[in-house]
């Protein structure tokens, strides 16, 4: 016990005033975060719907491709996908992406794999009797899917789609490694400029928390209104 040395460390004092000059930068970063998240969500919904339909198709080749896509991108870390798209594609194939485009593509492709399973579950939740009844009315398979199955499946999948967007807002922070000036990247820049990392990242965390809570409550309100109007 005599060999132990105790050092007295002064308590850390937060200085929030150093962040005031950077408020416009944080606001701009938040705007970029929303732009990336919305664009990536649209890409993910389109890819997810296509993959879900391919997963349920009659042709084995389409099912194999869809399963491979879903399994691969659900199993690969999102950060690895982003880095590979931004750097790997350029090195291997000579195709250059902007950091923004790589971020949207990486997020959209990855979330498309998760949305594919959401759409597949929604489609399979529709009673098969509706398909049989539609065939007796003379509808083709394409018309049944377009006018009978998909509208109902989309209503079923609306809550989980909203949840993926909330997750997308948080996961979009990973595009900061590509030097996209989103909210997280602005926090990194402020931390580097001011040497007040705790303040910068705490402020960023608070913004992410408030934004995700507000978006989640807003989506829940829309879902309730939509359910009542049906």
C-alpha atoms as a PDB file:
ATOM      1  CA  UNK A   1       0.000   0.000   0.000  1.00  0.00           C
ATOM      2  CA  UNK A   2       2.903   2.326   0.663  1.00  0.00           C
ATOM      3  CA  UNK A   3       3.872   2.196  -3.015  1.00  0.00           C
ATOM      4  CA  UNK A   4       0.580   3.669  -4.199  1.00  0.00           C
ATOM      5  CA  UNK A   5       0.626   7.244  -5.412  1.00  0.00           C
ATOM      6  CA  UNK A   6      -2.594   9.212  -5.591  1.00  0.00           C
ATOM      7  CA  UNK A   7      -2.767  12.147  -7.955  1.00  0.00           C
ATOM      8  CA  UNK A   8      -5.265  14.899  -7.377  1.00  0.00           C
ATOM      9  CA  UNK A   9      -6.918  15.821 -10.659  1.00  0.00           C
ATOM     10  CA  UNK A  10      -8.774  19.091 -10.975  1.00  0.00           C
ATOM     11  CA  UNK A  11     -12.447  18.628 -11.934  1.00  0.00           C
ATOM     12  CA  UNK A  12     -13.230  19.307 -15.549  1.00  0.00           C
ATOM     13  CA  UNK A  13     -15.010  22.608 -16.190  1.00  0.00           C
ATOM     14  CA  UNK A  14     -17.278  22.751 -19.202  1.00  0.00           C
ATOM     15  CA  UNK A  15     -17.043  25.920 -21.247  1.00  0.00           C
ATOM     16  CA  UNK A  16     -20.092  26.047 -23.468  1.00  0.00           C
ATOM     17  CA  UNK A  17     -19.348  29.609 -24.551  1.00  0.00           C
ATOM     18  CA  UNK A  18     -16.623  28.379 -26.919  1.00  0.00           C
ATOM     19  CA  UNK A  19     -19.334  26.763 -29.057  1.00  0.00           C
ATOM     20  CA  UNK A  20     -21.298  29.963 -29.694  1.00  0.00           C
ATOM     21  CA  UNK A  21     -19.288  31.074 -32.758  1.00  0.00           C
ATOM     22  CA  UNK A  22     -19.815  27.625 -34.276  1.00  0.00           C
ATOM     23  CA  UNK A  23     -23.614  27.516 -34.014  1.00  0.00           C
ATOM     24  CA  UNK A  24     -24.068  28.335 -37.757  1.00  0.00           C
ATOM     25  CA  UNK A  25     -21.654  25.517 -38.612  1.00  0.00           C
ATOM     26  CA  UNK A  26     -23.653  23.086 -36.470  1.00  0.00           C
ATOM     27  CA  UNK A  27     -26.877  24.231 -38.154  1.00  0.00           C
ATOM     28  CA  UNK A  28     -25.341  23.678 -41.581  1.00  0.00           C
ATOM     29  CA  UNK A  29     -24.133  20.250 -40.498  1.00  0.00           C
ATOM     30  CA  UNK A  30     -27.627  19.343 -39.296  1.00  0.00           C
ATOM     31  CA  UNK A  31     -29.027  20.344 -42.689  1.00  0.00           C
ATOM     32  CA  UNK A  32     -26.497  18.090 -44.436  1.00  0.00           C
ATOM     33  CA  UNK A  33     -27.441  15.264 -42.056  1.00  0.00           C
ATOM     34  CA  UNK A  34     -31.101  15.585 -43.053  1.00  0.00           C
ATOM     35  CA  UNK A  35     -30.252  15.789 -46.762  1.00  0.00           C
ATOM     36  CA  UNK A  36     -28.139  12.639 -46.616  1.00  0.00           C
ATOM     37  CA  UNK A  37     -30.663  10.755 -44.480  1.00  0.00           C
ATOM     38  CA  UNK A  38     -33.671  11.614 -46.646  1.00  0.00           C
ATOM     39  CA  UNK A  39     -31.858  10.811 -49.897  1.00  0.00           C
ATOM     40  CA  UNK A  40     -30.514   7.538 -48.476  1.00  0.00           C
ATOM     41  CA  UNK A  41     -33.949   6.566 -47.137  1.00  0.00           C
ATOM     42  CA  UNK A  42     -35.462   7.033 -50.606  1.00  0.00           C
ATOM     43  CA  UNK A  43     -32.695   4.902 -52.135  1.00  0.00           C
ATOM     44  CA  UNK A  44     -33.178   2.285 -49.438  1.00  0.00           C
ATOM     45  CA  UNK A  45     -36.948   2.123 -49.941  1.00  0.00           C
ATOM     46  CA  UNK A  46     -36.572   1.666 -53.703  1.00  0.00           C
ATOM     47  CA  UNK A  47     -33.859  -0.983 -53.382  1.00  0.00           C
ATOM     48  CA  UNK A  48     -35.688  -2.688 -50.542  1.00  0.00           C
ATOM     49  CA  UNK A  49     -38.930  -2.936 -52.483  1.00  0.00           C
ATOM     50  CA  UNK A  50     -37.148  -4.279 -55.571  1.00  0.00           C
ATOM     51  CA  UNK A  51     -35.220  -6.805 -53.476  1.00  0.00           C
ATOM     52  CA  UNK A  52     -38.378  -7.898 -51.644  1.00  0.00           C
ATOM     53  CA  UNK A  53     -40.234  -8.502 -54.914  1.00  0.00           C
ATOM     54  CA  UNK A  54     -37.218 -10.384 -56.285  1.00  0.00           C
ATOM     55  CA  UNK A  55     -37.074 -12.428 -53.060  1.00  0.00           C
ATOM     56  CA  UNK A  56     -40.674 -13.505 -53.639  1.00  0.00           C
ATOM     57  CA  UNK A  57     -40.354 -13.996 -57.408  1.00  0.00           C
ATOM     58  CA  UNK A  58     -40.982 -17.297 -59.161  1.00  0.00           C
ATOM     59  CA  UNK A  59     -37.593 -17.369 -60.832  1.00  0.00           C
ATOM     60  CA  UNK A  60     -34.839 -18.952 -58.697  1.00  0.00           C
ATOM     61  CA  UNK A  61     -32.124 -16.691 -60.172  1.00  0.00           C
ATOM     62  CA  UNK A  62     -33.879 -13.568 -58.903  1.00  0.00           C
ATOM     63  CA  UNK A  63     -34.388 -15.094 -55.481  1.00  0.00           C
ATOM     64  CA  UNK A  64     -30.725 -16.067 -55.227  1.00  0.00           C
ATOM     65  CA  UNK A  65     -29.567 -12.560 -56.197  1.00  0.00           C
ATOM     66  CA  UNK A  66     -31.976 -10.950 -53.707  1.00  0.00           C
ATOM     67  CA  UNK A  67     -30.938 -13.280 -50.885  1.00  0.00           C
ATOM     68  CA  UNK A  68     -27.246 -12.669 -51.612  1.00  0.00           C
ATOM     69  CA  UNK A  69     -27.774  -8.891 -51.554  1.00  0.00           C
ATOM     70  CA  UNK A  70     -29.788  -8.980 -48.333  1.00  0.00           C
ATOM     71  CA  UNK A  71     -27.449 -11.336 -46.487  1.00  0.00           C
ATOM     72  CA  UNK A  72     -24.273  -9.569 -47.601  1.00  0.00           C
ATOM     73  CA  UNK A  73     -25.204  -6.019 -46.707  1.00  0.00           C
ATOM     74  CA  UNK A  74     -26.873  -7.035 -43.460  1.00  0.00           C
ATOM     75  CA  UNK A  75     -23.684  -8.828 -42.493  1.00  0.00           C
ATOM     76  CA  UNK A  76     -21.122  -6.171 -43.483  1.00  0.00           C
ATOM     77  CA  UNK A  77     -20.535  -3.203 -41.146  1.00  0.00           C
ATOM     78  CA  UNK A  78     -21.918   0.030 -42.537  1.00  0.00           C
ATOM     79  CA  UNK A  79     -18.608   1.809 -42.016  1.00  0.00           C
ATOM     80  CA  UNK A  80     -16.816  -0.774 -44.170  1.00  0.00           C
ATOM     81  CA  UNK A  81     -19.400  -0.297 -46.927  1.00  0.00           C
ATOM     82  CA  UNK A  82     -18.972   3.474 -46.874  1.00  0.00           C
ATOM     83  CA  UNK A  83     -15.176   3.309 -47.023  1.00  0.00           C
ATOM     84  CA  UNK A  84     -15.228   0.676 -49.758  1.00  0.00           C
ATOM     85  CA  UNK A  85     -17.618   2.670 -51.919  1.00  0.00           C
ATOM     86  CA  UNK A  86     -15.695   5.913 -51.538  1.00  0.00           C
ATOM     87  CA  UNK A  87     -12.158   4.593 -51.812  1.00  0.00           C
ATOM     88  CA  UNK A  88     -12.351   1.012 -53.097  1.00  0.00           C
ATOM     89  CA  UNK A  89     -14.520   1.605 -56.161  1.00  0.00           C
ATOM     90  CA  UNK A  90     -12.271   4.442 -57.273  1.00  0.00           C
ATOM     91  CA  UNK A  91      -9.092   2.400 -56.807  1.00  0.00           C
ATOM     92  CA  UNK A  92     -10.370  -0.786 -58.424  1.00  0.00           C
ATOM     93  CA  UNK A  93     -12.599   0.509 -61.199  1.00  0.00           C
ATOM     94  CA  UNK A  94     -11.555   4.130 -61.684  1.00  0.00           C
ATOM     95  CA  UNK A  95     -15.050   5.373 -60.850  1.00  0.00           C
ATOM     96  CA  UNK A  96     -15.035   8.439 -58.629  1.00  0.00           C
ATOM     97  CA  UNK A  97     -17.825   9.274 -56.197  1.00  0.00           C
ATOM     98  CA  UNK A  98     -18.236  12.485 -54.294  1.00  0.00           C
ATOM     99  CA  UNK A  99     -18.210  11.950 -50.549  1.00  0.00           C
ATOM    100  CA  UNK A 100     -21.878  12.950 -50.393  1.00  0.00           C
ATOM    101  CA  UNK A 101     -22.860  10.459 -53.123  1.00  0.00           C
ATOM    102  CA  UNK A 102     -20.831   7.672 -51.510  1.00  0.00           C
ATOM    103  CA  UNK A 103     -22.507   8.370 -48.185  1.00  0.00           C
ATOM    104  CA  UNK A 104     -25.999   8.298 -49.676  1.00  0.00           C
ATOM    105  CA  UNK A 105     -25.218   5.154 -51.682  1.00  0.00           C
ATOM    106  CA  UNK A 106     -23.666   3.320 -48.751  1.00  0.00           C
ATOM    107  CA  UNK A 107     -26.491   4.148 -46.367  1.00  0.00           C
ATOM    108  CA  UNK A 108     -29.161   3.460 -48.994  1.00  0.00           C
ATOM    109  CA  UNK A 109     -27.714   0.114 -50.071  1.00  0.00           C
ATOM    110  CA  UNK A 110     -27.258  -1.075 -46.497  1.00  0.00           C
ATOM    111  CA  UNK A 111     -30.679   0.023 -45.300  1.00  0.00           C
ATOM    112  CA  UNK A 112     -32.225  -1.354 -48.485  1.00  0.00           C
ATOM    113  CA  UNK A 113     -31.244  -4.832 -47.309  1.00  0.00           C
ATOM    114  CA  UNK A 114     -33.105  -4.318 -44.022  1.00  0.00           C
ATOM    115  CA  UNK A 115     -36.094  -2.698 -45.719  1.00  0.00           C
ATOM    116  CA  UNK A 116     -36.304  -5.631 -48.127  1.00  0.00           C
ATOM    117  CA  UNK A 117     -37.112  -7.925 -45.227  1.00  0.00           C
ATOM    118  CA  UNK A 118     -39.619  -5.420 -43.872  1.00  0.00           C
ATOM    119  CA  UNK A 119     -41.399  -5.249 -47.233  1.00  0.00           C
ATOM    120  CA  UNK A 120     -41.282  -9.025 -47.634  1.00  0.00           C
ATOM    121  CA  UNK A 121     -42.903  -9.499 -44.237  1.00  0.00           C
ATOM    122  CA  UNK A 122     -45.568  -6.916 -45.122  1.00  0.00           C
ATOM    123  CA  UNK A 123     -46.369  -8.587 -48.433  1.00  0.00           C
ATOM    124  CA  UNK A 124     -46.567 -12.044 -46.873  1.00  0.00           C
ATOM    125  CA  UNK A 125     -48.863 -10.701 -44.146  1.00  0.00           C
ATOM    126  CA  UNK A 126     -51.645 -10.110 -46.702  1.00  0.00           C
ATOM    127  CA  UNK A 127     -54.080 -13.051 -46.645  1.00  0.00           C
ATOM    128  CA  UNK A 128     -53.685 -15.305 -49.681  1.00  0.00           C
ATOM    129  CA  UNK A 129     -57.436 -15.316 -50.071  1.00  0.00           C
ATOM    130  CA  UNK A 130     -57.210 -11.783 -51.456  1.00  0.00           C
ATOM    131  CA  UNK A 131     -54.915 -12.971 -54.225  1.00  0.00           C
ATOM    132  CA  UNK A 132     -57.262 -15.802 -55.090  1.00  0.00           C
ATOM    133  CA  UNK A 133     -60.268 -13.488 -55.068  1.00  0.00           C
ATOM    134  CA  UNK A 134     -58.443 -11.043 -57.329  1.00  0.00           C
ATOM    135  CA  UNK A 135     -57.655 -13.795 -59.812  1.00  0.00           C
ATOM    136  CA  UNK A 136     -61.331 -14.723 -59.999  1.00  0.00           C
ATOM    137  CA  UNK A 137     -61.994 -11.113 -61.023  1.00  0.00           C
ATOM    138  CA  UNK A 138     -59.590 -11.504 -63.929  1.00  0.00           C
ATOM    139  CA  UNK A 139     -56.670  -9.482 -62.580  1.00  0.00           C
ATOM    140  CA  UNK A 140     -53.169 -10.388 -63.703  1.00  0.00           C
ATOM    141  CA  UNK A 141     -50.343 -11.104 -61.252  1.00  0.00           C
ATOM    142  CA  UNK A 142     -48.871  -7.648 -61.881  1.00  0.00           C
ATOM    143  CA  UNK A 143     -52.224  -5.959 -61.289  1.00  0.00           C
ATOM    144  CA  UNK A 144     -52.795  -7.954 -58.112  1.00  0.00           C
ATOM    145  CA  UNK A 145     -49.420  -6.903 -56.734  1.00  0.00           C
ATOM    146  CA  UNK A 146     -49.827  -3.288 -57.834  1.00  0.00           C
ATOM    147  CA  UNK A 147     -53.424  -2.609 -56.821  1.00  0.00           C
ATOM    148  CA  UNK A 148     -54.205  -5.155 -54.090  1.00  0.00           C
ATOM    149  CA  UNK A 149     -51.089  -6.394 -52.289  1.00  0.00           C
ATOM    150  CA  UNK A 150     -48.652  -3.465 -52.271  1.00  0.00           C
ATOM    151  CA  UNK A 151     -51.057  -0.754 -51.022  1.00  0.00           C
ATOM    152  CA  UNK A 152     -51.951  -2.893 -48.015  1.00  0.00           C
ATOM    153  CA  UNK A 153     -48.359  -3.997 -47.430  1.00  0.00           C
ATOM    154  CA  UNK A 154     -47.171  -0.393 -47.419  1.00  0.00           C
ATOM    155  CA  UNK A 155     -49.708   0.488 -44.740  1.00  0.00           C
ATOM    156  CA  UNK A 156     -48.475  -2.426 -42.632  1.00  0.00           C
ATOM    157  CA  UNK A 157     -44.817  -1.505 -43.081  1.00  0.00           C
ATOM    158  CA  UNK A 158     -45.197   2.224 -42.446  1.00  0.00           C
ATOM    159  CA  UNK A 159     -44.193   2.082 -38.733  1.00  0.00           C
ATOM    160  CA  UNK A 160     -40.998   0.056 -39.276  1.00  0.00           C
ATOM    161  CA  UNK A 161     -40.071   2.242 -42.261  1.00  0.00           C
ATOM    162  CA  UNK A 162     -40.333   5.247 -39.953  1.00  0.00           C
ATOM    163  CA  UNK A 163     -38.095   3.495 -37.450  1.00  0.00           C
ATOM    164  CA  UNK A 164     -35.451   2.914 -40.114  1.00  0.00           C
ATOM    165  CA  UNK A 165     -35.403   6.639 -40.860  1.00  0.00           C
ATOM    166  CA  UNK A 166     -34.794   7.443 -37.206  1.00  0.00           C
ATOM    167  CA  UNK A 167     -31.924   4.945 -37.199  1.00  0.00           C
ATOM    168  CA  UNK A 168     -30.684   6.435 -40.473  1.00  0.00           C
ATOM    169  CA  UNK A 169     -30.375   9.867 -38.857  1.00  0.00           C
ATOM    170  CA  UNK A 170     -28.022   8.437 -36.239  1.00  0.00           C
ATOM    171  CA  UNK A 171     -26.063   6.134 -38.544  1.00  0.00           C
ATOM    172  CA  UNK A 172     -25.523   8.963 -41.011  1.00  0.00           C
ATOM    173  CA  UNK A 173     -22.934  10.252 -38.537  1.00  0.00           C
ATOM    174  CA  UNK A 174     -20.569   7.629 -39.975  1.00  0.00           C
ATOM    175  CA  UNK A 175     -20.219   9.623 -43.197  1.00  0.00           C
ATOM    176  CA  UNK A 176     -18.052  12.010 -41.201  1.00  0.00           C
ATOM    177  CA  UNK A 177     -15.152   9.637 -41.957  1.00  0.00           C
ATOM    178  CA  UNK A 178     -15.621  10.543 -45.631  1.00  0.00           C
ATOM    179  CA  UNK A 179     -15.196  14.244 -44.769  1.00  0.00           C
ATOM    180  CA  UNK A 180     -18.843  15.064 -45.485  1.00  0.00           C
ATOM    181  CA  UNK A 181     -19.569  18.149 -43.398  1.00  0.00           C
ATOM    182  CA  UNK A 182     -22.544  16.716 -41.575  1.00  0.00           C
ATOM    183  CA  UNK A 183     -23.344  17.350 -37.926  1.00  0.00           C
ATOM    184  CA  UNK A 184     -20.794  14.863 -36.601  1.00  0.00           C
ATOM    185  CA  UNK A 185     -18.057  16.185 -38.880  1.00  0.00           C
ATOM    186  CA  UNK A 186     -18.747  19.716 -37.688  1.00  0.00           C
ATOM    187  CA  UNK A 187     -18.356  18.458 -34.132  1.00  0.00           C
ATOM    188  CA  UNK A 188     -14.987  16.959 -35.039  1.00  0.00           C
ATOM    189  CA  UNK A 189     -13.868  20.230 -36.611  1.00  0.00           C
ATOM    190  CA  UNK A 190     -14.984  22.273 -33.603  1.00  0.00           C
ATOM    191  CA  UNK A 191     -13.227  19.867 -31.229  1.00  0.00           C
ATOM    192  CA  UNK A 192     -10.031  20.244 -33.252  1.00  0.00           C
ATOM    193  CA  UNK A 193     -10.283  24.040 -33.420  1.00  0.00           C
ATOM    194  CA  UNK A 194     -11.141  24.689 -29.789  1.00  0.00           C
ATOM    195  CA  UNK A 195      -9.494  21.695 -28.044  1.00  0.00           C
ATOM    196  CA  UNK A 196     -12.804  21.322 -26.167  1.00  0.00           C
ATOM    197  CA  UNK A 197     -13.818  17.862 -27.379  1.00  0.00           C
ATOM    198  CA  UNK A 198     -16.169  17.121 -24.480  1.00  0.00           C
ATOM    199  CA  UNK A 199     -18.217  20.244 -25.139  1.00  0.00           C
ATOM    200  CA  UNK A 200     -18.304  19.690 -28.905  1.00  0.00           C
ATOM    201  CA  UNK A 201     -19.316  16.032 -28.813  1.00  0.00           C
ATOM    202  CA  UNK A 202     -21.741  16.511 -25.938  1.00  0.00           C
ATOM    203  CA  UNK A 203     -23.460  19.275 -27.879  1.00  0.00           C
ATOM    204  CA  UNK A 204     -23.595  17.058 -30.987  1.00  0.00           C
ATOM    205  CA  UNK A 205     -25.044  14.204 -28.936  1.00  0.00           C
ATOM    206  CA  UNK A 206     -27.744  16.474 -27.516  1.00  0.00           C
ATOM    207  CA  UNK A 207     -28.700  17.661 -31.004  1.00  0.00           C
ATOM    208  CA  UNK A 208     -28.917  14.082 -32.300  1.00  0.00           C
ATOM    209  CA  UNK A 209     -31.052  13.099 -29.324  1.00  0.00           C
ATOM    210  CA  UNK A 210     -33.463  16.008 -29.738  1.00  0.00           C
ATOM    211  CA  UNK A 211     -33.742  15.523 -33.493  1.00  0.00           C
ATOM    212  CA  UNK A 212     -34.392  11.780 -33.296  1.00  0.00           C
ATOM    213  CA  UNK A 213     -36.976  12.237 -30.529  1.00  0.00           C
ATOM    214  CA  UNK A 214     -38.808  14.958 -32.477  1.00  0.00           C
ATOM    215  CA  UNK A 215     -38.736  12.941 -35.709  1.00  0.00           C
ATOM    216  CA  UNK A 216     -39.900   9.775 -33.934  1.00  0.00           C
ATOM    217  CA  UNK A 217     -42.802  11.634 -32.277  1.00  0.00           C
ATOM    218  CA  UNK A 218     -43.718  13.256 -35.582  1.00  0.00           C
ATOM    219  CA  UNK A 219     -43.751   9.930 -37.416  1.00  0.00           C
ATOM    220  CA  UNK A 220     -45.841   8.366 -34.643  1.00  0.00           C
ATOM    221  CA  UNK A 221     -48.349  11.221 -34.969  1.00  0.00           C
ATOM    222  CA  UNK A 222     -48.541  10.736 -38.741  1.00  0.00           C
ATOM    223  CA  UNK A 223     -49.069   6.990 -38.284  1.00  0.00           C
ATOM    224  CA  UNK A 224     -51.938   7.596 -35.846  1.00  0.00           C
ATOM    225  CA  UNK A 225     -53.583  10.101 -38.151  1.00  0.00           C
ATOM    226  CA  UNK A 226     -53.145   7.735 -41.083  1.00  0.00           C
ATOM    227  CA  UNK A 227     -54.645   4.852 -39.107  1.00  0.00           C
ATOM    228  CA  UNK A 228     -57.666   6.948 -38.142  1.00  0.00           C
ATOM    229  CA  UNK A 229     -58.266   8.120 -41.715  1.00  0.00           C
ATOM    230  CA  UNK A 230     -58.318   4.613 -43.123  1.00  0.00           C
END
